[in-house]
Amino acid sequence: MDDPALRPNPRRELSCESLDREEWRAPGTFEVLAADPEGPARAGRLWTAHGPVDTPCFMPVGTYGAVKGLAREDLEVVGSQIILGNSYHLAHRPGAARVRELGGLHRFITWDRPILTDSG
């Protein structure tokens, strides 16, 4: 059965690899793509070193670098553009040194898209 809710998000096709140099923006750049003339609502795009993130967006939480109950492939299928990790918890387990030994947070959690971390 072809469930539209399970199809990849077509907006997610916009990734570091799919952009040419003219389309790319410096990490940290935010651009407003649409705004509600009647109020403060807006849609935008935040550019990161690991690709763009359209806003507003749903951001799954992976406290220790993994979203419970979902594989990376599942997150990609539902169109997740970014995940949230908790730097406080990651510093305790597995520890900053271990994450560094494994090639950094993106390699540790096998996620090549943007990651946002907070301190818990």
PDB file of N, CA and C in Angstrom:
ATOM      1  N   MET A   1       0.842  -1.173   0.000  1.00  0.00           N
ATOM      2  CA  MET A   1       0.000   0.000   0.000  1.00  0.00           C
ATOM      3  C   MET A   1       0.894   1.245   0.000  1.00  0.00           C
ATOM      4  N   ASP A   2       0.573   2.193  -0.868  1.00  0.00           N
ATOM      5  CA  ASP A   2       1.362   3.416  -0.982  1.00  0.00           C
ATOM      6  C   ASP A   2       0.734   4.504  -0.125  1.00  0.00           C
ATOM      7  N   ASP A   3       1.234   4.642   1.099  1.00  0.00           N
ATOM      8  CA  ASP A   3       0.706   5.623   2.039  1.00  0.00           C
ATOM      9  C   ASP A   3       1.435   6.948   1.836  1.00  0.00           C
ATOM     10  N   PRO A   4       0.717   8.021   1.428  1.00  0.00           N
ATOM     11  CA  PRO A   4       1.381   9.315   1.213  1.00  0.00           C
ATOM     12  C   PRO A   4       2.126   9.818   2.438  1.00  0.00           C
ATOM     13  N   ALA A   5       1.659   9.467   3.618  1.00  0.00           N
ATOM     14  CA  ALA A   5       2.321   9.936   4.841  1.00  0.00           C
ATOM     15  C   ALA A   5       3.705   9.328   5.007  1.00  0.00           C
ATOM     16  N   LEU A   6       3.951   8.204   4.333  1.00  0.00           N
ATOM     17  CA  LEU A   6       5.246   7.535   4.475  1.00  0.00           C
ATOM     18  C   LEU A   6       6.200   7.845   3.328  1.00  0.00           C
ATOM     19  N   ARG A   7       5.757   8.633   2.363  1.00  0.00           N
ATOM     20  CA  ARG A   7       6.645   9.002   1.261  1.00  0.00           C
ATOM     21  C   ARG A   7       7.700   9.991   1.747  1.00  0.00           C
ATOM     22  N   PRO A   8       8.894   9.943   1.151  1.00  0.00           N
ATOM     23  CA  PRO A   8       9.917  10.922   1.538  1.00  0.00           C
ATOM     24  C   PRO A   8       9.423  12.340   1.294  1.00  0.00           C
ATOM     25  N   ASN A   9       9.847  13.235   2.145  1.00  0.00           N
ATOM     26  CA  ASN A   9       9.485  14.637   2.021  1.00  0.00           C
ATOM     27  C   ASN A   9      10.219  15.215   0.814  1.00  0.00           C
ATOM     28  N   PRO A  10       9.497  15.696  -0.209  1.00  0.00           N
ATOM     29  CA  PRO A  10      10.193  16.211  -1.393  1.00  0.00           C
ATOM     30  C   PRO A  10      11.076  17.412  -1.075  1.00  0.00           C
ATOM     31  N   ARG A  11      10.732  18.178  -0.042  1.00  0.00           N
ATOM     32  CA  ARG A  11      11.582  19.307   0.337  1.00  0.00           C
ATOM     33  C   ARG A  11      12.934  18.817   0.819  1.00  0.00           C
ATOM     34  N   ARG A  12      12.987  17.604   1.375  1.00  0.00           N
ATOM     35  CA  ARG A  12      14.233  17.092   1.930  1.00  0.00           C
ATOM     36  C   ARG A  12      15.242  16.776   0.851  1.00  0.00           C
ATOM     37  N   GLU A  13      14.804  16.711  -0.400  1.00  0.00           N
ATOM     38  CA  GLU A  13      15.744  16.468  -1.480  1.00  0.00           C
ATOM     39  C   GLU A  13      16.774  17.595  -1.568  1.00  0.00           C
ATOM     40  N   LEU A  14      16.494  18.700  -0.919  1.00  0.00           N
ATOM     41  CA  LEU A  14      17.418  19.820  -0.873  1.00  0.00           C
ATOM     42  C   LEU A  14      18.474  19.513   0.182  1.00  0.00           C
ATOM     43  N   SER A  15      19.612  19.016  -0.248  1.00  0.00           N
ATOM     44  CA  SER A  15      20.674  18.640   0.678  1.00  0.00           C
ATOM     45  C   SER A  15      21.996  19.223   0.193  1.00  0.00           C
ATOM     46  N   CYS A  16      23.012  19.077   1.009  1.00  0.00           N
ATOM     47  CA  CYS A  16      24.337  19.592   0.635  1.00  0.00           C
ATOM     48  C   CYS A  16      24.771  19.056  -0.722  1.00  0.00           C
ATOM     49  N   GLU A  17      24.539  17.770  -0.940  1.00  0.00           N
ATOM     50  CA  GLU A  17      25.011  17.130  -2.156  1.00  0.00           C
ATOM     51  C   GLU A  17      24.223  17.570  -3.382  1.00  0.00           C
ATOM     52  N   SER A  18      22.942  17.929  -3.213  1.00  0.00           N
ATOM     53  CA  SER A  18      22.099  18.255  -4.361  1.00  0.00           C
ATOM     54  C   SER A  18      22.172  19.728  -4.761  1.00  0.00           C
ATOM     55  N   LEU A  19      22.865  20.538  -4.011  1.00  0.00           N
ATOM     56  CA  LEU A  19      22.925  21.969  -4.298  1.00  0.00           C
ATOM     57  C   LEU A  19      24.194  22.324  -5.057  1.00  0.00           C
ATOM     58  N   ASP A  20      24.057  23.217  -6.024  1.00  0.00           N
ATOM     59  CA  ASP A  20      25.275  23.715  -6.647  1.00  0.00           C
ATOM     60  C   ASP A  20      25.742  24.953  -5.872  1.00  0.00           C
ATOM     61  N   ARG A  21      26.895  25.438  -6.194  1.00  0.00           N
ATOM     62  CA  ARG A  21      27.492  26.537  -5.424  1.00  0.00           C
ATOM     63  C   ARG A  21      26.620  27.797  -5.420  1.00  0.00           C
ATOM     64  N   GLU A  22      25.866  28.029  -6.468  1.00  0.00           N
ATOM     65  CA  GLU A  22      25.031  29.229  -6.526  1.00  0.00           C
ATOM     66  C   GLU A  22      23.846  29.143  -5.575  1.00  0.00           C
ATOM     67  N   GLU A  23      23.386  27.930  -5.272  1.00  0.00           N
ATOM     68  CA  GLU A  23      22.248  27.757  -4.376  1.00  0.00           C
ATOM     69  C   GLU A  23      22.658  27.752  -2.906  1.00  0.00           C
ATOM     70  N   TRP A  24      23.896  27.421  -2.625  1.00  0.00           N
ATOM     71  CA  TRP A  24      24.355  27.235  -1.252  1.00  0.00           C
ATOM     72  C   TRP A  24      24.436  28.559  -0.505  1.00  0.00           C
ATOM     73  N   ARG A  25      24.175  28.528   0.809  1.00  0.00           N
ATOM     74  CA  ARG A  25      24.295  29.703   1.670  1.00  0.00           C
ATOM     75  C   ARG A  25      25.256  29.370   2.811  1.00  0.00           C
ATOM     76  N   ALA A  26      25.856  30.367   3.385  1.00  0.00           N
ATOM     77  CA  ALA A  26      26.781  30.171   4.500  1.00  0.00           C
ATOM     78  C   ALA A  26      26.033  29.602   5.703  1.00  0.00           C
ATOM     79  N   PRO A  27      26.664  28.657   6.436  1.00  0.00           N
ATOM     80  CA  PRO A  27      26.030  28.135   7.652  1.00  0.00           C
ATOM     81  C   PRO A  27      25.655  29.275   8.592  1.00  0.00           C
ATOM     82  N   GLY A  28      24.461  29.185   9.154  1.00  0.00           N
ATOM     83  CA  GLY A  28      23.953  30.218  10.042  1.00  0.00           C
ATOM     84  C   GLY A  28      23.046  31.215   9.341  1.00  0.00           C
ATOM     85  N   THR A  29      23.020  31.159   8.007  1.00  0.00           N
ATOM     86  CA  THR A  29      22.146  32.050   7.252  1.00  0.00           C
ATOM     87  C   THR A  29      20.697  31.602   7.416  1.00  0.00           C
ATOM     88  N   PHE A  30      19.813  32.554   7.644  1.00  0.00           N
ATOM     89  CA  PHE A  30      18.379  32.262   7.709  1.00  0.00           C
ATOM     90  C   PHE A  30      17.682  33.146   6.701  1.00  0.00           C
ATOM     91  N   GLU A  31      16.849  32.536   5.865  1.00  0.00           N
ATOM     92  CA  GLU A  31      16.098  33.324   4.902  1.00  0.00           C
ATOM     93  C   GLU A  31      14.610  33.065   5.063  1.00  0.00           C
ATOM     94  N   VAL A  32      13.832  34.118   4.988  1.00  0.00           N
ATOM     95  CA  VAL A  32      12.377  34.011   5.063  1.00  0.00           C
ATOM     96  C   VAL A  32      11.873  33.673   3.665  1.00  0.00           C
ATOM     97  N   LEU A  33      11.131  32.570   3.562  1.00  0.00           N
ATOM     98  CA  LEU A  33      10.604  32.126   2.276  1.00  0.00           C
ATOM     99  C   LEU A  33       9.172  32.591   2.054  1.00  0.00           C
ATOM    100  N   ALA A  34       8.425  32.742   3.135  1.00  0.00           N
ATOM    101  CA  ALA A  34       7.035  33.199   3.053  1.00  0.00           C
ATOM    102  C   ALA A  34       6.661  33.818   4.386  1.00  0.00           C
ATOM    103  N   ALA A  35       5.807  34.826   4.339  1.00  0.00           N
ATOM    104  CA  ALA A  35       5.354  35.479   5.568  1.00  0.00           C
ATOM    105  C   ALA A  35       3.862  35.763   5.458  1.00  0.00           C
ATOM    106  N   ASP A  36       3.182  35.666   6.578  1.00  0.00           N
ATOM    107  CA  ASP A  36       1.757  35.975   6.653  1.00  0.00           C
ATOM    108  C   ASP A  36       1.604  37.486   6.783  1.00  0.00           C
ATOM    109  N   PRO A  37       0.983  38.136   5.814  1.00  0.00           N
ATOM    110  CA  PRO A  37       0.847  39.590   5.896  1.00  0.00           C
ATOM    111  C   PRO A  37      -0.074  40.046   7.024  1.00  0.00           C
ATOM    112  N   GLU A  38      -0.859  39.114   7.572  1.00  0.00           N
ATOM    113  CA  GLU A  38      -1.807  39.454   8.637  1.00  0.00           C
ATOM    114  C   GLU A  38      -1.255  39.204  10.041  1.00  0.00           C
ATOM    115  N   GLY A  39      -0.096  38.586  10.145  1.00  0.00           N
ATOM    116  CA  GLY A  39       0.422  38.263  11.469  1.00  0.00           C
ATOM    117  C   GLY A  39       1.892  37.918  11.434  1.00  0.00           C
ATOM    118  N   PRO A  40       2.420  37.375  12.538  1.00  0.00           N
ATOM    119  CA  PRO A  40       3.855  37.116  12.642  1.00  0.00           C
ATOM    120  C   PRO A  40       4.313  35.773  12.049  1.00  0.00           C
ATOM    121  N   ALA A  41       3.389  34.946  11.557  1.00  0.00           N
ATOM    122  CA  ALA A  41       3.776  33.625  11.041  1.00  0.00           C
ATOM    123  C   ALA A  41       4.671  33.768   9.815  1.00  0.00           C
ATOM    124  N   ARG A  42       5.647  32.866   9.723  1.00  0.00           N
ATOM    125  CA  ARG A  42       6.534  32.857   8.566  1.00  0.00           C
ATOM    126  C   ARG A  42       7.110  31.466   8.371  1.00  0.00           C
ATOM    127  N   ALA A  43       7.587  31.223   7.184  1.00  0.00           N
ATOM    128  CA  ALA A  43       8.304  29.996   6.857  1.00  0.00           C
ATOM    129  C   ALA A  43       9.680  30.417   6.373  1.00  0.00           C
ATOM    130  N   GLY A  44      10.685  29.640   6.730  1.00  0.00           N
ATOM    131  CA  GLY A  44      12.027  30.023   6.336  1.00  0.00           C
ATOM    132  C   GLY A  44      12.931  28.831   6.139  1.00  0.00           C
ATOM    133  N   ARG A  45      14.173  29.134   5.885  1.00  0.00           N
ATOM    134  CA  ARG A  45      15.183  28.092   5.709  1.00  0.00           C
ATOM    135  C   ARG A  45      16.434  28.521   6.465  1.00  0.00           C
ATOM    136  N   LEU A  46      16.901  27.638   7.344  1.00  0.00           N
ATOM    137  CA  LEU A  46      18.139  27.837   8.092  1.00  0.00           C
ATOM    138  C   LEU A  46      19.209  26.982   7.435  1.00  0.00           C
ATOM    139  N   TRP A  47      20.309  27.602   7.093  1.00  0.00           N
ATOM    140  CA  TRP A  47      21.400  26.881   6.442  1.00  0.00           C
ATOM    141  C   TRP A  47      22.428  26.460   7.483  1.00  0.00           C
ATOM    142  N   THR A  48      22.832  25.194   7.426  1.00  0.00           N
ATOM    143  CA  THR A  48      23.843  24.654   8.330  1.00  0.00           C
ATOM    144  C   THR A  48      24.963  24.031   7.506  1.00  0.00           C
ATOM    145  N   ALA A  49      26.038  23.665   8.163  1.00  0.00           N
ATOM    146  CA  ALA A  49      27.150  22.999   7.479  1.00  0.00           C
ATOM    147  C   ALA A  49      26.750  21.625   6.949  1.00  0.00           C
ATOM    148  N   HIS A  50      25.663  21.062   7.470  1.00  0.00           N
ATOM    149  CA  HIS A  50      25.203  19.739   7.037  1.00  0.00           C
ATOM    150  C   HIS A  50      23.924  19.812   6.226  1.00  0.00           C
ATOM    151  N   GLY A  51      23.606  20.979   5.714  1.00  0.00           N
ATOM    152  CA  GLY A  51      22.439  21.119   4.855  1.00  0.00           C
ATOM    153  C   GLY A  51      21.408  22.071   5.419  1.00  0.00           C
ATOM    154  N   PRO A  52      20.417  22.386   4.597  1.00  0.00           N
ATOM    155  CA  PRO A  52      19.377  23.327   5.002  1.00  0.00           C
ATOM    156  C   PRO A  52      18.285  22.657   5.828  1.00  0.00           C
ATOM    157  N   VAL A  53      17.615  23.455   6.644  1.00  0.00           N
ATOM    158  CA  VAL A  53      16.469  22.997   7.431  1.00  0.00           C
ATOM    159  C   VAL A  53      15.343  23.988   7.188  1.00  0.00           C
ATOM    160  N   ASP A  54      14.234  23.492   6.656  1.00  0.00           N
ATOM    161  CA  ASP A  54      13.069  24.340   6.454  1.00  0.00           C
ATOM    162  C   ASP A  54      12.334  24.490   7.772  1.00  0.00           C
ATOM    163  N   THR A  55      11.869  25.711   8.044  1.00  0.00           N
ATOM    164  CA  THR A  55      11.137  25.970   9.281  1.00  0.00           C
ATOM    165  C   THR A  55       9.762  26.513   8.939  1.00  0.00           C
ATOM    166  N   PRO A  56       8.765  26.212   9.753  1.00  0.00           N
ATOM    167  CA  PRO A  56       8.863  25.372  10.944  1.00  0.00           C
ATOM    168  C   PRO A  56       9.045  23.912  10.546  1.00  0.00           C
ATOM    169  N   CYS A  57       9.573  23.124  11.473  1.00  0.00           N
ATOM    170  CA  CYS A  57       9.766  21.701  11.204  1.00  0.00           C
ATOM    171  C   CYS A  57       9.604  20.907  12.495  1.00  0.00           C
ATOM    172  N   PHE A  58       9.374  19.621  12.326  1.00  0.00           N
ATOM    173  CA  PHE A  58       9.346  18.706  13.456  1.00  0.00           C
ATOM    174  C   PHE A  58      10.776  18.252  13.694  1.00  0.00           C
ATOM    175  N   MET A  59      11.230  18.299  14.939  1.00  0.00           N
ATOM    176  CA  MET A  59      12.592  17.905  15.276  1.00  0.00           C
ATOM    177  C   MET A  59      12.548  16.750  16.271  1.00  0.00           C
ATOM    178  N   PRO A  60      12.786  15.505  15.800  1.00  0.00           N
ATOM    179  CA  PRO A  60      12.811  14.374  16.730  1.00  0.00           C
ATOM    180  C   PRO A  60      13.937  14.537  17.748  1.00  0.00           C
ATOM    181  N   VAL A  61      13.705  14.033  18.945  1.00  0.00           N
ATOM    182  CA  VAL A  61      14.674  14.146  20.032  1.00  0.00           C
ATOM    183  C   VAL A  61      15.417  12.831  20.198  1.00  0.00           C
ATOM    184  N   GLY A  62      16.738  12.897  20.100  1.00  0.00           N
ATOM    185  CA  GLY A  62      17.608  11.750  20.339  1.00  0.00           C
ATOM    186  C   GLY A  62      18.549  12.101  21.477  1.00  0.00           C
ATOM    187  N   THR A  63      18.061  12.032  22.693  1.00  0.00           N
ATOM    188  CA  THR A  63      18.810  12.494  23.862  1.00  0.00           C
ATOM    189  C   THR A  63      20.245  11.985  23.871  1.00  0.00           C
ATOM    190  N   TYR A  64      20.418  10.682  23.675  1.00  0.00           N
ATOM    191  CA  TYR A  64      21.763  10.095  23.678  1.00  0.00           C
ATOM    192  C   TYR A  64      22.268   9.838  22.257  1.00  0.00           C
ATOM    193  N   GLY A  65      21.710  10.539  21.294  1.00  0.00           N
ATOM    194  CA  GLY A  65      22.140  10.364  19.916  1.00  0.00           C
ATOM    195  C   GLY A  65      21.289   9.388  19.135  1.00  0.00           C
ATOM    196  N   ALA A  66      20.240   8.858  19.735  1.00  0.00           N
ATOM    197  CA  ALA A  66      19.344   7.932  19.040  1.00  0.00           C
ATOM    198  C   ALA A  66      17.907   8.291  19.378  1.00  0.00           C
ATOM    199  N   VAL A  67      17.057   8.283  18.372  1.00  0.00           N
ATOM    200  CA  VAL A  67      15.635   8.515  18.584  1.00  0.00           C
ATOM    201  C   VAL A  67      15.022   7.162  18.914  1.00  0.00           C
ATOM    202  N   LYS A  68      14.465   7.029  20.101  1.00  0.00           N
ATOM    203  CA  LYS A  68      13.943   5.741  20.566  1.00  0.00           C
ATOM    204  C   LYS A  68      12.856   5.220  19.641  1.00  0.00           C
ATOM    205  N   GLY A  69      13.008   3.966  19.265  1.00  0.00           N
ATOM    206  CA  GLY A  69      11.993   3.286  18.468  1.00  0.00           C
ATOM    207  C   GLY A  69      12.055   3.548  16.977  1.00  0.00           C
ATOM    208  N   LEU A  70      12.985   4.380  16.521  1.00  0.00           N
ATOM    209  CA  LEU A  70      13.090   4.683  15.095  1.00  0.00           C
ATOM    210  C   LEU A  70      14.527   4.545  14.618  1.00  0.00           C
ATOM    211  N   ALA A  71      14.687   3.894  13.487  1.00  0.00           N
ATOM    212  CA  ALA A  71      16.003   3.795  12.855  1.00  0.00           C
ATOM    213  C   ALA A  71      16.244   5.055  12.029  1.00  0.00           C
ATOM    214  N   ARG A  72      17.487   5.292  11.683  1.00  0.00           N
ATOM    215  CA  ARG A  72      17.834   6.444  10.848  1.00  0.00           C
ATOM    216  C   ARG A  72      17.017   6.440   9.561  1.00  0.00           C
ATOM    217  N   GLU A  73      16.857   5.283   8.959  1.00  0.00           N
ATOM    218  CA  GLU A  73      16.095   5.177   7.721  1.00  0.00           C
ATOM    219  C   GLU A  73      14.648   5.621   7.916  1.00  0.00           C
ATOM    220  N   ASP A  74      14.064   5.282   9.082  1.00  0.00           N
ATOM    221  CA  ASP A  74      12.690   5.707   9.377  1.00  0.00           C
ATOM    222  C   ASP A  74      12.604   7.227   9.440  1.00  0.00           C
ATOM    223  N   LEU A  75      13.596   7.842  10.063  1.00  0.00           N
ATOM    224  CA  LEU A  75      13.612   9.301  10.174  1.00  0.00           C
ATOM    225  C   LEU A  75      13.715   9.949   8.796  1.00  0.00           C
ATOM    226  N   GLU A  76      14.494   9.340   7.914  1.00  0.00           N
ATOM    227  CA  GLU A  76      14.621   9.870   6.561  1.00  0.00           C
ATOM    228  C   GLU A  76      13.311   9.726   5.798  1.00  0.00           C
ATOM    229  N   VAL A  77      12.652   8.575   5.926  1.00  0.00           N
ATOM    230  CA  VAL A  77      11.399   8.323   5.216  1.00  0.00           C
ATOM    231  C   VAL A  77      10.319   9.328   5.603  1.00  0.00           C
ATOM    232  N   VAL A  78      10.247   9.677   6.882  1.00  0.00           N
ATOM    233  CA  VAL A  78       9.216  10.630   7.313  1.00  0.00           C
ATOM    234  C   VAL A  78       9.636  12.085   7.093  1.00  0.00           C
ATOM    235  N   GLY A  79      10.818  12.300   6.527  1.00  0.00           N
ATOM    236  CA  GLY A  79      11.232  13.649   6.154  1.00  0.00           C
ATOM    237  C   GLY A  79      11.920  14.455   7.233  1.00  0.00           C
ATOM    238  N   SER A  80      12.466  13.797   8.245  1.00  0.00           N
ATOM    239  CA  SER A  80      13.176  14.538   9.294  1.00  0.00           C
ATOM    240  C   SER A  80      14.378  15.254   8.681  1.00  0.00           C
ATOM    241  N   GLN A  81      14.470  16.532   8.935  1.00  0.00           N
ATOM    242  CA  GLN A  81      15.565  17.325   8.393  1.00  0.00           C
ATOM    243  C   GLN A  81      16.666  17.553   9.420  1.00  0.00           C
ATOM    244  N   ILE A  82      16.330  17.412  10.693  1.00  0.00           N
ATOM    245  CA  ILE A  82      17.252  17.721  11.783  1.00  0.00           C
ATOM    246  C   ILE A  82      16.829  16.896  12.994  1.00  0.00           C
ATOM    247  N   ILE A  83      17.782  16.525  13.829  1.00  0.00           N
ATOM    248  CA  ILE A  83      17.432  15.877  15.094  1.00  0.00           C
ATOM    249  C   ILE A  83      18.102  16.640  16.235  1.00  0.00           C
ATOM    250  N   LEU A  84      17.537  16.466  17.411  1.00  0.00           N
ATOM    251  CA  LEU A  84      18.033  17.139  18.611  1.00  0.00           C
ATOM    252  C   LEU A  84      18.756  16.132  19.487  1.00  0.00           C
ATOM    253  N   GLY A  85      19.974  16.442  19.881  1.00  0.00           N
ATOM    254  CA  GLY A  85      20.730  15.634  20.830  1.00  0.00           C
ATOM    255  C   GLY A  85      20.986  16.452  22.088  1.00  0.00           C
ATOM    256  N   ASN A  86      21.276  15.789  23.163  1.00  0.00           N
ATOM    257  CA  ASN A  86      21.510  16.481  24.427  1.00  0.00           C
ATOM    258  C   ASN A  86      22.986  16.371  24.781  1.00  0.00           C
ATOM    259  N   SER A  87      23.709  17.479  24.694  1.00  0.00           N
ATOM    260  CA  SER A  87      25.155  17.448  24.924  1.00  0.00           C
ATOM    261  C   SER A  87      25.506  17.079  26.362  1.00  0.00           C
ATOM    262  N   TYR A  88      24.665  17.430  27.310  1.00  0.00           N
ATOM    263  CA  TYR A  88      24.918  17.068  28.709  1.00  0.00           C
ATOM    264  C   TYR A  88      24.918  15.551  28.873  1.00  0.00           C
ATOM    265  N   HIS A  89      23.880  14.905  28.361  1.00  0.00           N
ATOM    266  CA  HIS A  89      23.793  13.448  28.485  1.00  0.00           C
ATOM    267  C   HIS A  89      24.871  12.747  27.655  1.00  0.00           C
ATOM    268  N   LEU A  90      25.137  13.249  26.453  1.00  0.00           N
ATOM    269  CA  LEU A  90      26.175  12.646  25.615  1.00  0.00           C
ATOM    270  C   LEU A  90      27.554  12.770  26.256  1.00  0.00           C
ATOM    271  N   ALA A  91      27.791  13.854  26.992  1.00  0.00           N
ATOM    272  CA  ALA A  91      29.078  14.034  27.667  1.00  0.00           C
ATOM    273  C   ALA A  91      29.271  13.009  28.779  1.00  0.00           C
ATOM    274  N   HIS A  92      28.171  12.571  29.384  1.00  0.00           N
ATOM    275  CA  HIS A  92      28.258  11.561  30.441  1.00  0.00           C
ATOM    276  C   HIS A  92      28.306  10.145  29.886  1.00  0.00           C
ATOM    277  N   ARG A  93      27.511   9.892  28.871  1.00  0.00           N
ATOM    278  CA  ARG A  93      27.479   8.572  28.252  1.00  0.00           C
ATOM    279  C   ARG A  93      27.134   8.729  26.790  1.00  0.00           C
ATOM    280  N   PRO A  94      27.992   8.454  25.897  1.00  0.00           N
ATOM    281  CA  PRO A  94      29.233   7.698  25.990  1.00  0.00           C
ATOM    282  C   PRO A  94      30.448   8.524  26.391  1.00  0.00           C
ATOM    283  N   GLY A  95      30.323   9.837  26.430  1.00  0.00           N
ATOM    284  CA  GLY A  95      31.443  10.704  26.790  1.00  0.00           C
ATOM    285  C   GLY A  95      32.017  11.396  25.567  1.00  0.00           C
ATOM    286  N   ALA A  96      32.485  12.614  25.775  1.00  0.00           N
ATOM    287  CA  ALA A  96      33.016  13.414  24.672  1.00  0.00           C
ATOM    288  C   ALA A  96      34.214  12.743  24.007  1.00  0.00           C
ATOM    289  N   ALA A  97      35.094  12.136  24.803  1.00  0.00           N
ATOM    290  CA  ALA A  97      36.278  11.483  24.233  1.00  0.00           C
ATOM    291  C   ALA A  97      35.875  10.329  23.319  1.00  0.00           C
ATOM    292  N   ARG A  98      34.891   9.557  23.730  1.00  0.00           N
ATOM    293  CA  ARG A  98      34.437   8.414  22.928  1.00  0.00           C
ATOM    294  C   ARG A  98      33.790   8.885  21.624  1.00  0.00           C
ATOM    295  N   VAL A  99      32.965   9.912  21.707  1.00  0.00           N
ATOM    296  CA  VAL A  99      32.338  10.457  20.499  1.00  0.00           C
ATOM    297  C   VAL A  99      33.420  10.956  19.544  1.00  0.00           C
ATOM    298  N   ARG A 100      34.414  11.644  20.076  1.00  0.00           N
ATOM    299  CA  ARG A 100      35.525  12.144  19.264  1.00  0.00           C
ATOM    300  C   ARG A 100      36.286  10.981  18.617  1.00  0.00           C
ATOM    301  N   GLU A 101      36.569   9.918  19.392  1.00  0.00           N
ATOM    302  CA  GLU A 101      37.270   8.739  18.862  1.00  0.00           C
ATOM    303  C   GLU A 101      36.510   8.096  17.711  1.00  0.00           C
ATOM    304  N   LEU A 102      35.201   8.153  17.776  1.00  0.00           N
ATOM    305  CA  LEU A 102      34.360   7.530  16.754  1.00  0.00           C
ATOM    306  C   LEU A 102      34.120   8.435  15.548  1.00  0.00           C
ATOM    307  N   GLY A 103      34.765   9.601  15.522  1.00  0.00           N
ATOM    308  CA  GLY A 103      34.683  10.462  14.353  1.00  0.00           C
ATOM    309  C   GLY A 103      33.741  11.636  14.464  1.00  0.00           C
ATOM    310  N   GLY A 104      33.300  11.946  15.672  1.00  0.00           N
ATOM    311  CA  GLY A 104      32.390  13.073  15.869  1.00  0.00           C
ATOM    312  C   GLY A 104      30.949  12.617  15.975  1.00  0.00           C
ATOM    313  N   LEU A 105      30.088  13.541  16.330  1.00  0.00           N
ATOM    314  CA  LEU A 105      28.693  13.203  16.599  1.00  0.00           C
ATOM    315  C   LEU A 105      27.966  12.668  15.370  1.00  0.00           C
ATOM    316  N   HIS A 106      28.188  13.259  14.203  1.00  0.00           N
ATOM    317  CA  HIS A 106      27.501  12.781  13.004  1.00  0.00           C
ATOM    318  C   HIS A 106      27.860  11.330  12.689  1.00  0.00           C
ATOM    319  N   ARG A 107      29.108  10.981  12.795  1.00  0.00           N
ATOM    320  CA  ARG A 107      29.505   9.585  12.544  1.00  0.00           C
ATOM    321  C   ARG A 107      29.030   8.662  13.655  1.00  0.00           C
ATOM    322  N   PHE A 108      29.103   9.124  14.882  1.00  0.00           N
ATOM    323  CA  PHE A 108      28.673   8.317  16.026  1.00  0.00           C
ATOM    324  C   PHE A 108      27.220   7.889  15.883  1.00  0.00           C
ATOM    325  N   ILE A 109      26.375   8.810  15.439  1.00  0.00           N
ATOM    326  CA  ILE A 109      24.955   8.464  15.330  1.00  0.00           C
ATOM    327  C   ILE A 109      24.532   8.144  13.894  1.00  0.00           C
ATOM    328  N   THR A 110      25.485   8.083  12.974  1.00  0.00           N
ATOM    329  CA  THR A 110      25.247   7.805  11.553  1.00  0.00           C
ATOM    330  C   THR A 110      24.133   8.670  10.971  1.00  0.00           C
ATOM    331  N   TRP A 111      24.268   9.964  11.162  1.00  0.00           N
ATOM    332  CA  TRP A 111      23.290  10.936  10.659  1.00  0.00           C
ATOM    333  C   TRP A 111      24.057  12.028   9.937  1.00  0.00           C
ATOM    334  N   ASP A 112      23.832  12.182   8.621  1.00  0.00           N
ATOM    335  CA  ASP A 112      24.600  13.174   7.866  1.00  0.00           C
ATOM    336  C   ASP A 112      23.865  14.496   7.689  1.00  0.00           C
ATOM    337  N   ARG A 113      22.682  14.583   8.253  1.00  0.00           N
ATOM    338  CA  ARG A 113      21.899  15.821   8.189  1.00  0.00           C
ATOM    339  C   ARG A 113      22.175  16.662   9.432  1.00  0.00           C
ATOM    340  N   PRO A 114      21.585  17.841   9.524  1.00  0.00           N
ATOM    341  CA  PRO A 114      21.843  18.706  10.677  1.00  0.00           C
ATOM    342  C   PRO A 114      21.452  18.089  12.024  1.00  0.00           C
ATOM    343  N   ILE A 115      22.217  18.445  13.041  1.00  0.00           N
ATOM    344  CA  ILE A 115      21.952  18.055  14.429  1.00  0.00           C
ATOM    345  C   ILE A 115      21.976  19.332  15.260  1.00  0.00           C
ATOM    346  N   LEU A 116      21.007  19.480  16.132  1.00  0.00           N
ATOM    347  CA  LEU A 116      21.008  20.574  17.092  1.00  0.00           C
ATOM    348  C   LEU A 116      21.257  19.948  18.455  1.00  0.00           C
ATOM    349  N   THR A 117      22.151  20.515  19.229  1.00  0.00           N
ATOM    350  CA  THR A 117      22.367  20.007  20.586  1.00  0.00           C
ATOM    351  C   THR A 117      22.020  21.091  21.588  1.00  0.00           C
ATOM    352  N   ASP A 118      21.510  20.654  22.725  1.00  0.00           N
ATOM    353  CA  ASP A 118      21.270  21.573  23.834  1.00  0.00           C
ATOM    354  C   ASP A 118      22.005  21.032  25.046  1.00  0.00           C
ATOM    355  N   SER A 119      21.999  21.777  26.111  1.00  0.00           N
ATOM    356  CA  SER A 119      22.776  21.370  27.284  1.00  0.00           C
ATOM    357  C   SER A 119      21.950  20.614  28.310  1.00  0.00           C
ATOM    358  N   GLY A 120      20.706  20.391  28.031  1.00  0.00           N
ATOM    359  CA  GLY A 120      19.880  19.611  28.946  1.00  0.00           C
ATOM    360  C   GLY A 120      19.315  20.441  30.026  1.00  0.00           C
TER     361      GLY A 120
END
